[in-house]
Amino acid sequence: WAQAKGDVKTKWGQLTDDDLTEIDGQREKLAGKIQERYGIVKEEA
């Protein structure tokens, strides 16, 4: 996850560093934050 955070931040730039720390490699949390930041449904995230 430490290495993946940079890649995730590049792809989903609206995620904050605090979001990435909170997600901590958990797929469900990543999907939830993408939904929240981008206003998309869970399935799309």
PDB file of all heavy atoms in Angstrom:
ATOM      1  N   TRP A   1       0.809  -1.210   0.000  1.00  0.00           N
ATOM      2  CA  TRP A   1       0.000   0.000   0.000  1.00  0.00           C
ATOM      3  C   TRP A   1       0.847   1.268   0.000  1.00  0.00           C
ATOM      4  O   TRP A   1       0.521   2.242  -0.669  1.00  0.00           O
ATOM      5  CB  TRP A   1      -0.979   0.011   1.177  1.00  0.00           C
ATOM      6  CG  TRP A   1      -1.882   1.201   1.141  1.00  0.00           C
ATOM      7  CD1 TRP A   1      -1.937   2.198   2.040  1.00  0.00           C
ATOM      8  CD2 TRP A   1      -2.853   1.520   0.136  1.00  0.00           C
ATOM      9  NE1 TRP A   1      -2.886   3.123   1.679  1.00  0.00           N
ATOM     10  CE2 TRP A   1      -3.459   2.726   0.506  1.00  0.00           C
ATOM     11  CE3 TRP A   1      -3.261   0.911  -1.048  1.00  0.00           C
ATOM     12  CZ2 TRP A   1      -4.453   3.332  -0.251  1.00  0.00           C
ATOM     13  CZ3 TRP A   1      -4.254   1.511  -1.809  1.00  0.00           C
ATOM     14  CH2 TRP A   1      -4.836   2.705  -1.412  1.00  0.00           C
ATOM     15  N   ALA A   2       1.962   1.268   0.717  1.00  0.00           N
ATOM     16  CA  ALA A   2       2.815   2.453   0.753  1.00  0.00           C
ATOM     17  C   ALA A   2       3.258   2.840  -0.656  1.00  0.00           C
ATOM     18  O   ALA A   2       3.246   4.026  -1.016  1.00  0.00           O
ATOM     19  CB  ALA A   2       4.020   2.217   1.653  1.00  0.00           C
ATOM     20  N   GLN A   3       3.592   1.853  -1.478  1.00  0.00           N
ATOM     21  CA  GLN A   3       3.993   2.118  -2.850  1.00  0.00           C
ATOM     22  C   GLN A   3       2.786   2.412  -3.732  1.00  0.00           C
ATOM     23  O   GLN A   3       2.861   3.223  -4.652  1.00  0.00           O
ATOM     24  CB  GLN A   3       4.765   0.934  -3.446  1.00  0.00           C
ATOM     25  CG  GLN A   3       6.077   0.644  -2.774  1.00  0.00           C
ATOM     26  CD  GLN A   3       5.958  -0.369  -1.641  1.00  0.00           C
ATOM     27  OE1 GLN A   3       4.897  -0.587  -1.071  1.00  0.00           O
ATOM     28  NE2 GLN A   3       7.077  -0.976  -1.293  1.00  0.00           N
ATOM     29  N   ALA A   4       1.666   1.763  -3.468  1.00  0.00           N
ATOM     30  CA  ALA A   4       0.470   1.917  -4.302  1.00  0.00           C
ATOM     31  C   ALA A   4      -0.203   3.267  -4.106  1.00  0.00           C
ATOM     32  O   ALA A   4      -0.895   3.751  -5.000  1.00  0.00           O
ATOM     33  CB  ALA A   4      -0.522   0.794  -4.001  1.00  0.00           C
ATOM     34  N   LYS A   5       0.013   3.905  -2.954  1.00  0.00           N
ATOM     35  CA  LYS A   5      -0.659   5.176  -2.670  1.00  0.00           C
ATOM     36  C   LYS A   5      -0.370   6.227  -3.734  1.00  0.00           C
ATOM     37  O   LYS A   5      -1.270   6.948  -4.142  1.00  0.00           O
ATOM     38  CB  LYS A   5      -0.263   5.716  -1.296  1.00  0.00           C
ATOM     39  CG  LYS A   5      -0.907   4.982  -0.156  1.00  0.00           C
ATOM     40  CD  LYS A   5      -0.835   5.732   1.162  1.00  0.00           C
ATOM     41  CE  LYS A   5       0.542   5.991   1.661  1.00  0.00           C
ATOM     42  NZ  LYS A   5       0.541   6.528   3.040  1.00  0.00           N
ATOM     43  N   GLY A   6       0.865   6.315  -4.186  1.00  0.00           N
ATOM     44  CA  GLY A   6       1.216   7.296  -5.208  1.00  0.00           C
ATOM     45  C   GLY A   6       0.479   7.037  -6.506  1.00  0.00           C
ATOM     46  O   GLY A   6      -0.021   7.969  -7.157  1.00  0.00           O
ATOM     47  N   ASP A   7       0.381   5.792  -6.870  1.00  0.00           N
ATOM     48  CA  ASP A   7      -0.330   5.389  -8.082  1.00  0.00           C
ATOM     49  C   ASP A   7      -1.825   5.702  -7.959  1.00  0.00           C
ATOM     50  O   ASP A   7      -2.447   6.208  -8.891  1.00  0.00           O
ATOM     51  CB  ASP A   7      -0.098   3.904  -8.329  1.00  0.00           C
ATOM     52  CG  ASP A   7      -0.625   3.440  -9.658  1.00  0.00           C
ATOM     53  OD1 ASP A   7      -0.399   4.138 -10.667  1.00  0.00           O
ATOM     54  OD2 ASP A   7      -1.277   2.377  -9.683  1.00  0.00           O
ATOM     55  N   VAL A   8      -2.386   5.423  -6.787  1.00  0.00           N
ATOM     56  CA  VAL A   8      -3.803   5.693  -6.538  1.00  0.00           C
ATOM     57  C   VAL A   8      -4.058   7.203  -6.589  1.00  0.00           C
ATOM     58  O   VAL A   8      -5.034   7.666  -7.177  1.00  0.00           O
ATOM     59  CB  VAL A   8      -4.240   5.093  -5.183  1.00  0.00           C
ATOM     60  CG1 VAL A   8      -5.604   5.587  -4.762  1.00  0.00           C
ATOM     61  CG2 VAL A   8      -4.220   3.571  -5.254  1.00  0.00           C
ATOM     62  N   LYS A   9      -3.167   7.971  -5.999  1.00  0.00           N
ATOM     63  CA  LYS A   9      -3.306   9.436  -5.981  1.00  0.00           C
ATOM     64  C   LYS A   9      -3.237   9.994  -7.404  1.00  0.00           C
ATOM     65  O   LYS A   9      -3.961  10.932  -7.738  1.00  0.00           O
ATOM     66  CB  LYS A   9      -2.204  10.032  -5.107  1.00  0.00           C
ATOM     67  CG  LYS A   9      -2.220  11.507  -5.002  1.00  0.00           C
ATOM     68  CD  LYS A   9      -3.120  11.980  -3.904  1.00  0.00           C
ATOM     69  CE  LYS A   9      -2.952  13.479  -3.741  1.00  0.00           C
ATOM     70  NZ  LYS A   9      -3.635  14.030  -2.647  1.00  0.00           N
ATOM     71  N   THR A  10      -2.410   9.411  -8.252  1.00  0.00           N
ATOM     72  CA  THR A  10      -2.324   9.847  -9.646  1.00  0.00           C
ATOM     73  C   THR A  10      -3.621   9.554 -10.385  1.00  0.00           C
ATOM     74  O   THR A  10      -4.135  10.399 -11.116  1.00  0.00           O
ATOM     75  CB  THR A  10      -1.140   9.155 -10.353  1.00  0.00           C
ATOM     76  OG1 THR A  10       0.063   9.500  -9.665  1.00  0.00           O
ATOM     77  CG2 THR A  10      -1.043   9.579 -11.798  1.00  0.00           C
ATOM     78  N   LYS A  11      -4.182   8.377 -10.178  1.00  0.00           N
ATOM     79  CA  LYS A  11      -5.419   7.973 -10.865  1.00  0.00           C
ATOM     80  C   LYS A  11      -6.625   8.739 -10.345  1.00  0.00           C
ATOM     81  O   LYS A  11      -7.454   9.203 -11.116  1.00  0.00           O
ATOM     82  CB  LYS A  11      -5.611   6.463 -10.694  1.00  0.00           C
ATOM     83  CG  LYS A  11      -6.943   5.921 -11.148  1.00  0.00           C
ATOM     84  CD  LYS A  11      -7.066   5.897 -12.644  1.00  0.00           C
ATOM     85  CE  LYS A  11      -8.392   5.228 -13.034  1.00  0.00           C
ATOM     86  NZ  LYS A  11      -8.720   5.463 -14.407  1.00  0.00           N
ATOM     87  N   TRP A  12      -6.753   8.834  -9.039  1.00  0.00           N
ATOM     88  CA  TRP A  12      -7.896   9.493  -8.403  1.00  0.00           C
ATOM     89  C   TRP A  12      -7.379  10.683  -7.609  1.00  0.00           C
ATOM     90  O   TRP A  12      -7.263  10.640  -6.383  1.00  0.00           O
ATOM     91  CB  TRP A  12      -8.648   8.502  -7.512  1.00  0.00           C
ATOM     92  CG  TRP A  12      -9.281   7.396  -8.281  1.00  0.00           C
ATOM     93  CD1 TRP A  12     -10.404   7.474  -9.046  1.00  0.00           C
ATOM     94  CD2 TRP A  12      -8.831   6.044  -8.390  1.00  0.00           C
ATOM     95  NE1 TRP A  12     -10.667   6.259  -9.615  1.00  0.00           N
ATOM     96  CE2 TRP A  12      -9.721   5.354  -9.231  1.00  0.00           C
ATOM     97  CE3 TRP A  12      -7.753   5.350  -7.840  1.00  0.00           C
ATOM     98  CZ2 TRP A  12      -9.577   4.011  -9.544  1.00  0.00           C
ATOM     99  CZ3 TRP A  12      -7.598   4.009  -8.159  1.00  0.00           C
ATOM    100  CH2 TRP A  12      -8.502   3.351  -9.002  1.00  0.00           C
ATOM    101  N   GLY A  13      -7.070  11.763  -8.304  1.00  0.00           N
ATOM    102  CA  GLY A  13      -6.432  12.940  -7.725  1.00  0.00           C
ATOM    103  C   GLY A  13      -7.246  13.661  -6.670  1.00  0.00           C
ATOM    104  O   GLY A  13      -6.705  14.453  -5.902  1.00  0.00           O
ATOM    105  N   GLN A  14      -8.547  13.412  -6.624  1.00  0.00           N
ATOM    106  CA  GLN A  14      -9.371  14.077  -5.623  1.00  0.00           C
ATOM    107  C   GLN A  14      -9.264  13.425  -4.243  1.00  0.00           C
ATOM    108  O   GLN A  14      -9.777  13.964  -3.263  1.00  0.00           O
ATOM    109  CB  GLN A  14     -10.836  14.113  -6.070  1.00  0.00           C
ATOM    110  CG  GLN A  14     -11.072  15.010  -7.264  1.00  0.00           C
ATOM    111  CD  GLN A  14     -12.537  15.084  -7.658  1.00  0.00           C
ATOM    112  OE1 GLN A  14     -13.420  14.858  -6.854  1.00  0.00           O
ATOM    113  NE2 GLN A  14     -12.771  15.386  -8.931  1.00  0.00           N
ATOM    114  N   LEU A  15      -8.596  12.290  -4.164  1.00  0.00           N
ATOM    115  CA  LEU A  15      -8.375  11.653  -2.868  1.00  0.00           C
ATOM    116  C   LEU A  15      -7.238  12.381  -2.159  1.00  0.00           C
ATOM    117  O   LEU A  15      -6.207  12.673  -2.764  1.00  0.00           O
ATOM    118  CB  LEU A  15      -8.020  10.174  -3.036  1.00  0.00           C
ATOM    119  CG  LEU A  15      -9.095   9.282  -3.644  1.00  0.00           C
ATOM    120  CD1 LEU A  15      -8.564   7.865  -3.812  1.00  0.00           C
ATOM    121  CD2 LEU A  15     -10.358   9.290  -2.819  1.00  0.00           C
ATOM    122  N   THR A  16      -7.438  12.674  -0.907  1.00  0.00           N
ATOM    123  CA  THR A  16      -6.422  13.386  -0.131  1.00  0.00           C
ATOM    124  C   THR A  16      -5.437  12.403   0.499  1.00  0.00           C
ATOM    125  O   THR A  16      -5.700  11.196   0.562  1.00  0.00           O
ATOM    126  CB  THR A  16      -7.084  14.213   0.992  1.00  0.00           C
ATOM    127  OG1 THR A  16      -7.673  13.309   1.924  1.00  0.00           O
ATOM    128  CG2 THR A  16      -8.139  15.172   0.441  1.00  0.00           C
ATOM    129  N   ASP A  17      -4.342  12.940   0.990  1.00  0.00           N
ATOM    130  CA  ASP A  17      -3.380  12.098   1.704  1.00  0.00           C
ATOM    131  C   ASP A  17      -4.027  11.479   2.942  1.00  0.00           C
ATOM    132  O   ASP A  17      -3.753  10.327   3.279  1.00  0.00           O
ATOM    133  CB  ASP A  17      -2.149  12.912   2.102  1.00  0.00           C
ATOM    134  CG  ASP A  17      -1.296  13.295   0.894  1.00  0.00           C
ATOM    135  OD1 ASP A  17      -1.343  12.587  -0.130  1.00  0.00           O
ATOM    136  OD2 ASP A  17      -0.566  14.296   0.990  1.00  0.00           O
ATOM    137  N   ASP A  18      -4.896  12.251   3.599  1.00  0.00           N
ATOM    138  CA  ASP A  18      -5.622  11.701   4.756  1.00  0.00           C
ATOM    139  C   ASP A  18      -6.529  10.547   4.338  1.00  0.00           C
ATOM    140  O   ASP A  18      -6.650   9.554   5.062  1.00  0.00           O
ATOM    141  CB  ASP A  18      -6.453  12.785   5.445  1.00  0.00           C
ATOM    142  CG  ASP A  18      -5.592  13.772   6.221  1.00  0.00           C
ATOM    143  OD1 ASP A  18      -4.427  13.452   6.527  1.00  0.00           O
ATOM    144  OD2 ASP A  18      -6.103  14.874   6.530  1.00  0.00           O
ATOM    145  N   ASP A  19      -7.189  10.685   3.168  1.00  0.00           N
ATOM    146  CA  ASP A  19      -8.022   9.592   2.648  1.00  0.00           C
ATOM    147  C   ASP A  19      -7.176   8.340   2.459  1.00  0.00           C
ATOM    148  O   ASP A  19      -7.571   7.241   2.856  1.00  0.00           O
ATOM    149  CB  ASP A  19      -8.651   9.962   1.299  1.00  0.00           C
ATOM    150  CG  ASP A  19      -9.722  11.027   1.383  1.00  0.00           C
ATOM    151  OD1 ASP A  19     -10.316  11.218   2.467  1.00  0.00           O
ATOM    152  OD2 ASP A  19      -9.973  11.681   0.345  1.00  0.00           O
ATOM    153  N   LEU A  20      -6.021   8.503   1.843  1.00  0.00           N
ATOM    154  CA  LEU A  20      -5.160   7.355   1.551  1.00  0.00           C
ATOM    155  C   LEU A  20      -4.659   6.695   2.831  1.00  0.00           C
ATOM    156  O   LEU A  20      -4.560   5.466   2.901  1.00  0.00           O
ATOM    157  CB  LEU A  20      -3.995   7.788   0.667  1.00  0.00           C
ATOM    158  CG  LEU A  20      -4.389   8.315  -0.715  1.00  0.00           C
ATOM    159  CD1 LEU A  20      -3.173   8.827  -1.455  1.00  0.00           C
ATOM    160  CD2 LEU A  20      -5.112   7.255  -1.523  1.00  0.00           C
ATOM    161  N   THR A  21      -4.376   7.505   3.838  1.00  0.00           N
ATOM    162  CA  THR A  21      -3.960   6.951   5.134  1.00  0.00           C
ATOM    163  C   THR A  21      -5.105   6.173   5.763  1.00  0.00           C
ATOM    164  O   THR A  21      -4.913   5.067   6.278  1.00  0.00           O
ATOM    165  CB  THR A  21      -3.495   8.084   6.062  1.00  0.00           C
ATOM    166  OG1 THR A  21      -2.369   8.737   5.451  1.00  0.00           O
ATOM    167  CG2 THR A  21      -3.091   7.547   7.428  1.00  0.00           C
ATOM    168  N   GLU A  22      -6.311   6.736   5.686  1.00  0.00           N
ATOM    169  CA  GLU A  22      -7.487   6.069   6.254  1.00  0.00           C
ATOM    170  C   GLU A  22      -7.807   4.768   5.512  1.00  0.00           C
ATOM    171  O   GLU A  22      -8.164   3.769   6.127  1.00  0.00           O
ATOM    172  CB  GLU A  22      -8.692   7.005   6.178  1.00  0.00           C
ATOM    173  CG  GLU A  22      -9.956   6.429   6.763  1.00  0.00           C
ATOM    174  CD  GLU A  22     -11.154   7.367   6.619  1.00  0.00           C
ATOM    175  OE1 GLU A  22     -10.963   8.586   6.563  1.00  0.00           O
ATOM    176  OE2 GLU A  22     -12.280   6.843   6.550  1.00  0.00           O
ATOM    177  N   ILE A  23      -7.668   4.770   4.204  1.00  0.00           N
ATOM    178  CA  ILE A  23      -7.963   3.586   3.389  1.00  0.00           C
ATOM    179  C   ILE A  23      -7.048   2.437   3.767  1.00  0.00           C
ATOM    180  O   ILE A  23      -7.487   1.290   3.879  1.00  0.00           O
ATOM    181  CB  ILE A  23      -7.846   3.926   1.885  1.00  0.00           C
ATOM    182  CG1 ILE A  23      -8.971   4.885   1.479  1.00  0.00           C
ATOM    183  CG2 ILE A  23      -7.862   2.659   1.035  1.00  0.00           C
ATOM    184  CD1 ILE A  23      -8.745   5.574   0.141  1.00  0.00           C
ATOM    185  N   ASP A  24      -5.774   2.721   3.944  1.00  0.00           N
ATOM    186  CA  ASP A  24      -4.783   1.753   4.412  1.00  0.00           C
ATOM    187  C   ASP A  24      -4.847   0.414   3.685  1.00  0.00           C
ATOM    188  O   ASP A  24      -4.796  -0.652   4.294  1.00  0.00           O
ATOM    189  CB  ASP A  24      -4.927   1.553   5.924  1.00  0.00           C
ATOM    190  CG  ASP A  24      -3.740   0.821   6.526  1.00  0.00           C
ATOM    191  OD1 ASP A  24      -2.618   0.976   6.002  1.00  0.00           O
ATOM    192  OD2 ASP A  24      -3.943   0.075   7.510  1.00  0.00           O
ATOM    193  N   GLY A  25      -5.026   0.464   2.369  1.00  0.00           N
ATOM    194  CA  GLY A  25      -5.008  -0.754   1.569  1.00  0.00           C
ATOM    195  C   GLY A  25      -6.297  -1.541   1.558  1.00  0.00           C
ATOM    196  O   GLY A  25      -6.337  -2.638   1.005  1.00  0.00           O
ATOM    197  N   GLN A  26      -7.345  -1.024   2.152  1.00  0.00           N
ATOM    198  CA  GLN A  26      -8.616  -1.739   2.211  1.00  0.00           C
ATOM    199  C   GLN A  26      -9.464  -1.371   0.993  1.00  0.00           C
ATOM    200  O   GLN A  26      -9.849  -0.224   0.819  1.00  0.00           O
ATOM    201  CB  GLN A  26      -9.359  -1.406   3.502  1.00  0.00           C
ATOM    202  CG  GLN A  26      -8.592  -1.852   4.736  1.00  0.00           C
ATOM    203  CD  GLN A  26      -9.291  -1.450   6.001  1.00  0.00           C
ATOM    204  OE1 GLN A  26     -10.494  -1.646   6.132  1.00  0.00           O
ATOM    205  NE2 GLN A  26      -8.547  -0.865   6.927  1.00  0.00           N
ATOM    206  N   ARG A  27      -9.730  -2.351   0.169  1.00  0.00           N
ATOM    207  CA  ARG A  27     -10.437  -2.146  -1.094  1.00  0.00           C
ATOM    208  C   ARG A  27     -11.799  -1.493  -0.903  1.00  0.00           C
ATOM    209  O   ARG A  27     -12.182  -0.606  -1.655  1.00  0.00           O
ATOM    210  CB  ARG A  27     -10.597  -3.488  -1.816  1.00  0.00           C
ATOM    211  CG  ARG A  27     -11.108  -3.364  -3.225  1.00  0.00           C
ATOM    212  CD  ARG A  27     -11.191  -4.749  -3.875  1.00  0.00           C
ATOM    213  NE  ARG A  27     -11.448  -4.656  -5.281  1.00  0.00           N
ATOM    214  CZ  ARG A  27     -12.629  -4.374  -5.820  1.00  0.00           C
ATOM    215  NH1 ARG A  27     -13.667  -4.142  -5.052  1.00  0.00           N
ATOM    216  NH2 ARG A  27     -12.772  -4.319  -7.128  1.00  0.00           N
ATOM    217  N   GLU A  28     -12.541  -1.931   0.101  1.00  0.00           N
ATOM    218  CA  GLU A  28     -13.880  -1.392   0.338  1.00  0.00           C
ATOM    219  C   GLU A  28     -13.822   0.090   0.687  1.00  0.00           C
ATOM    220  O   GLU A  28     -14.656   0.880   0.245  1.00  0.00           O
ATOM    221  CB  GLU A  28     -14.595  -2.164   1.459  1.00  0.00           C
ATOM    222  CG  GLU A  28     -14.838  -3.626   1.151  1.00  0.00           C
ATOM    223  CD  GLU A  28     -13.586  -4.492   1.357  1.00  0.00           C
ATOM    224  OE1 GLU A  28     -12.660  -4.085   2.106  1.00  0.00           O
ATOM    225  OE2 GLU A  28     -13.513  -5.569   0.748  1.00  0.00           O
ATOM    226  N   LYS A  29     -12.837   0.466   1.485  1.00  0.00           N
ATOM    227  CA  LYS A  29     -12.683   1.875   1.846  1.00  0.00           C
ATOM    228  C   LYS A  29     -12.267   2.703   0.639  1.00  0.00           C
ATOM    229  O   LYS A  29     -12.707   3.840   0.472  1.00  0.00           O
ATOM    230  CB  LYS A  29     -11.666   2.045   2.975  1.00  0.00           C
ATOM    231  CG  LYS A  29     -12.205   1.640   4.323  1.00  0.00           C
ATOM    232  CD  LYS A  29     -11.235   2.010   5.420  1.00  0.00           C
ATOM    233  CE  LYS A  29     -11.805   1.668   6.783  1.00  0.00           C
ATOM    234  NZ  LYS A  29     -10.911   2.083   7.874  1.00  0.00           N
ATOM    235  N   LEU A  30     -11.410   2.145  -0.205  1.00  0.00           N
ATOM    236  CA  LEU A  30     -11.014   2.853  -1.423  1.00  0.00           C
ATOM    237  C   LEU A  30     -12.228   3.096  -2.300  1.00  0.00           C
ATOM    238  O   LEU A  30     -12.454   4.215  -2.780  1.00  0.00           O
ATOM    239  CB  LEU A  30      -9.944   2.060  -2.190  1.00  0.00           C
ATOM    240  CG  LEU A  30      -9.517   2.640  -3.540  1.00  0.00           C
ATOM    241  CD1 LEU A  30      -8.966   4.057  -3.388  1.00  0.00           C
ATOM    242  CD2 LEU A  30      -8.489   1.733  -4.211  1.00  0.00           C
ATOM    243  N   ALA A  31     -13.038   2.076  -2.494  1.00  0.00           N
ATOM    244  CA  ALA A  31     -14.248   2.225  -3.308  1.00  0.00           C
ATOM    245  C   ALA A  31     -15.173   3.284  -2.708  1.00  0.00           C
ATOM    246  O   ALA A  31     -15.721   4.124  -3.434  1.00  0.00           O
ATOM    247  CB  ALA A  31     -14.981   0.888  -3.437  1.00  0.00           C
ATOM    248  N   GLY A  32     -15.322   3.274  -1.406  1.00  0.00           N
ATOM    249  CA  GLY A  32     -16.182   4.239  -0.738  1.00  0.00           C
ATOM    250  C   GLY A  32     -15.694   5.663  -0.907  1.00  0.00           C
ATOM    251  O   GLY A  32     -16.487   6.584  -1.155  1.00  0.00           O
ATOM    252  N   LYS A  33     -14.397   5.872  -0.796  1.00  0.00           N
ATOM    253  CA  LYS A  33     -13.837   7.220  -0.954  1.00  0.00           C
ATOM    254  C   LYS A  33     -13.950   7.691  -2.399  1.00  0.00           C
ATOM    255  O   LYS A  33     -14.210   8.871  -2.649  1.00  0.00           O
ATOM    256  CB  LYS A  33     -12.373   7.261  -0.497  1.00  0.00           C
ATOM    257  CG  LYS A  33     -12.208   7.178   0.989  1.00  0.00           C
ATOM    258  CD  LYS A  33     -12.792   8.400   1.686  1.00  0.00           C
ATOM    259  CE  LYS A  33     -12.588   8.332   3.177  1.00  0.00           C
ATOM    260  NZ  LYS A  33     -13.171   9.483   3.871  1.00  0.00           N
ATOM    261  N   ILE A  34     -13.767   6.781  -3.351  1.00  0.00           N
ATOM    262  CA  ILE A  34     -13.925   7.154  -4.765  1.00  0.00           C
ATOM    263  C   ILE A  34     -15.375   7.553  -5.016  1.00  0.00           C
ATOM    264  O   ILE A  34     -15.641   8.565  -5.671  1.00  0.00           O
ATOM    265  CB  ILE A  34     -13.470   6.009  -5.692  1.00  0.00           C
ATOM    266  CG1 ILE A  34     -11.958   5.812  -5.579  1.00  0.00           C
ATOM    267  CG2 ILE A  34     -13.885   6.285  -7.138  1.00  0.00           C
ATOM    268  CD1 ILE A  34     -11.443   4.559  -6.253  1.00  0.00           C
ATOM    269  N   GLN A  35     -16.302   6.787  -4.473  1.00  0.00           N
ATOM    270  CA  GLN A  35     -17.729   7.120  -4.599  1.00  0.00           C
ATOM    271  C   GLN A  35     -17.991   8.512  -4.051  1.00  0.00           C
ATOM    272  O   GLN A  35     -18.651   9.342  -4.693  1.00  0.00           O
ATOM    273  CB  GLN A  35     -18.585   6.161  -3.768  1.00  0.00           C
ATOM    274  CG  GLN A  35     -18.863   4.832  -4.355  1.00  0.00           C
ATOM    275  CD  GLN A  35     -19.755   4.053  -3.396  1.00  0.00           C
ATOM    276  OE1 GLN A  35     -19.263   3.246  -2.619  1.00  0.00           O
ATOM    277  NE2 GLN A  35     -21.040   4.302  -3.436  1.00  0.00           N
ATOM    278  N   GLU A  36     -17.498   8.768  -2.868  1.00  0.00           N
ATOM    279  CA  GLU A  36     -17.739  10.028  -2.171  1.00  0.00           C
ATOM    280  C   GLU A  36     -17.146  11.207  -2.942  1.00  0.00           C
ATOM    281  O   GLU A  36     -17.819  12.221  -3.151  1.00  0.00           O
ATOM    282  CB  GLU A  36     -17.096   9.930  -0.784  1.00  0.00           C
ATOM    283  CG  GLU A  36     -17.271  11.128   0.094  1.00  0.00           C
ATOM    284  CD  GLU A  36     -16.557  10.916   1.432  1.00  0.00           C
ATOM    285  OE1 GLU A  36     -16.660   9.817   2.019  1.00  0.00           O
ATOM    286  OE2 GLU A  36     -15.894  11.869   1.866  1.00  0.00           O
ATOM    287  N   ARG A  37     -15.914  11.093  -3.370  1.00  0.00           N
ATOM    288  CA  ARG A  37     -15.221  12.205  -4.028  1.00  0.00           C
ATOM    289  C   ARG A  37     -15.714  12.464  -5.453  1.00  0.00           C
ATOM    290  O   ARG A  37     -15.716  13.597  -5.907  1.00  0.00           O
ATOM    291  CB  ARG A  37     -13.721  11.972  -4.056  1.00  0.00           C
ATOM    292  CG  ARG A  37     -13.083  11.882  -2.695  1.00  0.00           C
ATOM    293  CD  ARG A  37     -12.966  13.248  -2.043  1.00  0.00           C
ATOM    294  NE  ARG A  37     -12.242  13.111  -0.802  1.00  0.00           N
ATOM    295  CZ  ARG A  37     -12.733  13.445   0.377  1.00  0.00           C
ATOM    296  NH1 ARG A  37     -13.939  13.961   0.469  1.00  0.00           N
ATOM    297  NH2 ARG A  37     -12.030  13.279   1.464  1.00  0.00           N
ATOM    298  N   TYR A  38     -16.088  11.397  -6.160  1.00  0.00           N
ATOM    299  CA  TYR A  38     -16.441  11.541  -7.572  1.00  0.00           C
ATOM    300  C   TYR A  38     -17.940  11.434  -7.839  1.00  0.00           C
ATOM    301  O   TYR A  38     -18.374  11.601  -8.979  1.00  0.00           O
ATOM    302  CB  TYR A  38     -15.682  10.505  -8.414  1.00  0.00           C
ATOM    303  CG  TYR A  38     -14.211  10.823  -8.490  1.00  0.00           C
ATOM    304  CD1 TYR A  38     -13.320  10.321  -7.545  1.00  0.00           C
ATOM    305  CD2 TYR A  38     -13.706  11.656  -9.483  1.00  0.00           C
ATOM    306  CE1 TYR A  38     -11.970  10.633  -7.585  1.00  0.00           C
ATOM    307  CE2 TYR A  38     -12.355  11.973  -9.537  1.00  0.00           C
ATOM    308  CZ  TYR A  38     -11.500  11.462  -8.584  1.00  0.00           C
ATOM    309  OH  TYR A  38     -10.168  11.781  -8.632  1.00  0.00           O
ATOM    310  N   GLY A  39     -18.724  11.144  -6.808  1.00  0.00           N
ATOM    311  CA  GLY A  39     -20.181  11.094  -6.968  1.00  0.00           C
ATOM    312  C   GLY A  39     -20.652   9.995  -7.907  1.00  0.00           C
ATOM    313  O   GLY A  39     -21.552  10.196  -8.722  1.00  0.00           O
ATOM    314  N   ILE A  40     -20.021   8.835  -7.790  1.00  0.00           N
ATOM    315  CA  ILE A  40     -20.406   7.703  -8.633  1.00  0.00           C
ATOM    316  C   ILE A  40     -20.950   6.581  -7.752  1.00  0.00           C
ATOM    317  O   ILE A  40     -20.768   6.590  -6.543  1.00  0.00           O
ATOM    318  CB  ILE A  40     -19.219   7.193  -9.490  1.00  0.00           C
ATOM    319  CG1 ILE A  40     -18.052   6.744  -8.610  1.00  0.00           C
ATOM    320  CG2 ILE A  40     -18.784   8.259 -10.483  1.00  0.00           C
ATOM    321  CD1 ILE A  40     -16.892   6.135  -9.372  1.00  0.00           C
ATOM    322  N   VAL A  41     -21.603   5.621  -8.393  1.00  0.00           N
ATOM    323  CA  VAL A  41     -22.165   4.494  -7.647  1.00  0.00           C
ATOM    324  C   VAL A  41     -21.068   3.486  -7.303  1.00  0.00           C
ATOM    325  O   VAL A  41     -20.005   3.461  -7.931  1.00  0.00           O
ATOM    326  CB  VAL A  41     -23.308   3.796  -8.433  1.00  0.00           C
ATOM    327  CG1 VAL A  41     -24.469   4.757  -8.636  1.00  0.00           C
ATOM    328  CG2 VAL A  41     -22.820   3.238  -9.743  1.00  0.00           C
ATOM    329  N   LYS A  42     -21.353   2.662  -6.314  1.00  0.00           N
ATOM    330  CA  LYS A  42     -20.383   1.681  -5.820  1.00  0.00           C
ATOM    331  C   LYS A  42     -19.869   0.775  -6.930  1.00  0.00           C
ATOM    332  O   LYS A  42     -18.676   0.507  -7.022  1.00  0.00           O
ATOM    333  CB  LYS A  42     -21.030   0.847  -4.716  1.00  0.00           C
ATOM    334  CG  LYS A  42     -20.122  -0.186  -4.112  1.00  0.00           C
ATOM    335  CD  LYS A  42     -20.819  -0.966  -3.017  1.00  0.00           C
ATOM    336  CE  LYS A  42     -19.893  -1.990  -2.400  1.00  0.00           C
ATOM    337  NZ  LYS A  42     -20.539  -2.749  -1.342  1.00  0.00           N
ATOM    338  N   GLU A  43     -20.769   0.315  -7.776  1.00  0.00           N
ATOM    339  CA  GLU A  43     -20.377  -0.610  -8.844  1.00  0.00           C
ATOM    340  C   GLU A  43     -19.376   0.045  -9.797  1.00  0.00           C
ATOM    341  O   GLU A  43     -18.437  -0.598 -10.263  1.00  0.00           O
ATOM    342  CB  GLU A  43     -21.599  -1.101  -9.627  1.00  0.00           C
ATOM    343  CG  GLU A  43     -22.507  -2.014  -8.826  1.00  0.00           C
ATOM    344  CD  GLU A  43     -23.399  -1.283  -7.811  1.00  0.00           C
ATOM    345  OE1 GLU A  43     -23.572  -0.045  -7.917  1.00  0.00           O
ATOM    346  OE2 GLU A  43     -23.923  -1.960  -6.910  1.00  0.00           O
ATOM    347  N   GLU A  44     -19.568   1.323 -10.105  1.00  0.00           N
ATOM    348  CA  GLU A  44     -18.645   2.037 -10.995  1.00  0.00           C
ATOM    349  C   GLU A  44     -17.283   2.206 -10.317  1.00  0.00           C
ATOM    350  O   GLU A  44     -16.244   2.038 -10.960  1.00  0.00           O
ATOM    351  CB  GLU A  44     -19.214   3.401 -11.402  1.00  0.00           C
ATOM    352  CG  GLU A  44     -18.289   4.218 -12.268  1.00  0.00           C
ATOM    353  CD  GLU A  44     -17.900   3.581 -13.591  1.00  0.00           C
ATOM    354  OE1 GLU A  44     -18.677   2.755 -14.135  1.00  0.00           O
ATOM    355  OE2 GLU A  44     -16.811   3.895 -14.108  1.00  0.00           O
ATOM    356  N   ALA A  45     -17.285   2.539  -9.044  1.00  0.00           N
ATOM    357  CA  ALA A  45     -16.024   2.678  -8.308  1.00  0.00           C
ATOM    358  C   ALA A  45     -15.257   1.356  -8.307  1.00  0.00           C
ATOM    359  O   ALA A  45     -14.048   1.328  -8.560  1.00  0.00           O
ATOM    360  CB  ALA A  45     -16.294   3.149  -6.884  1.00  0.00           C
TER     361      ALA A  45
END
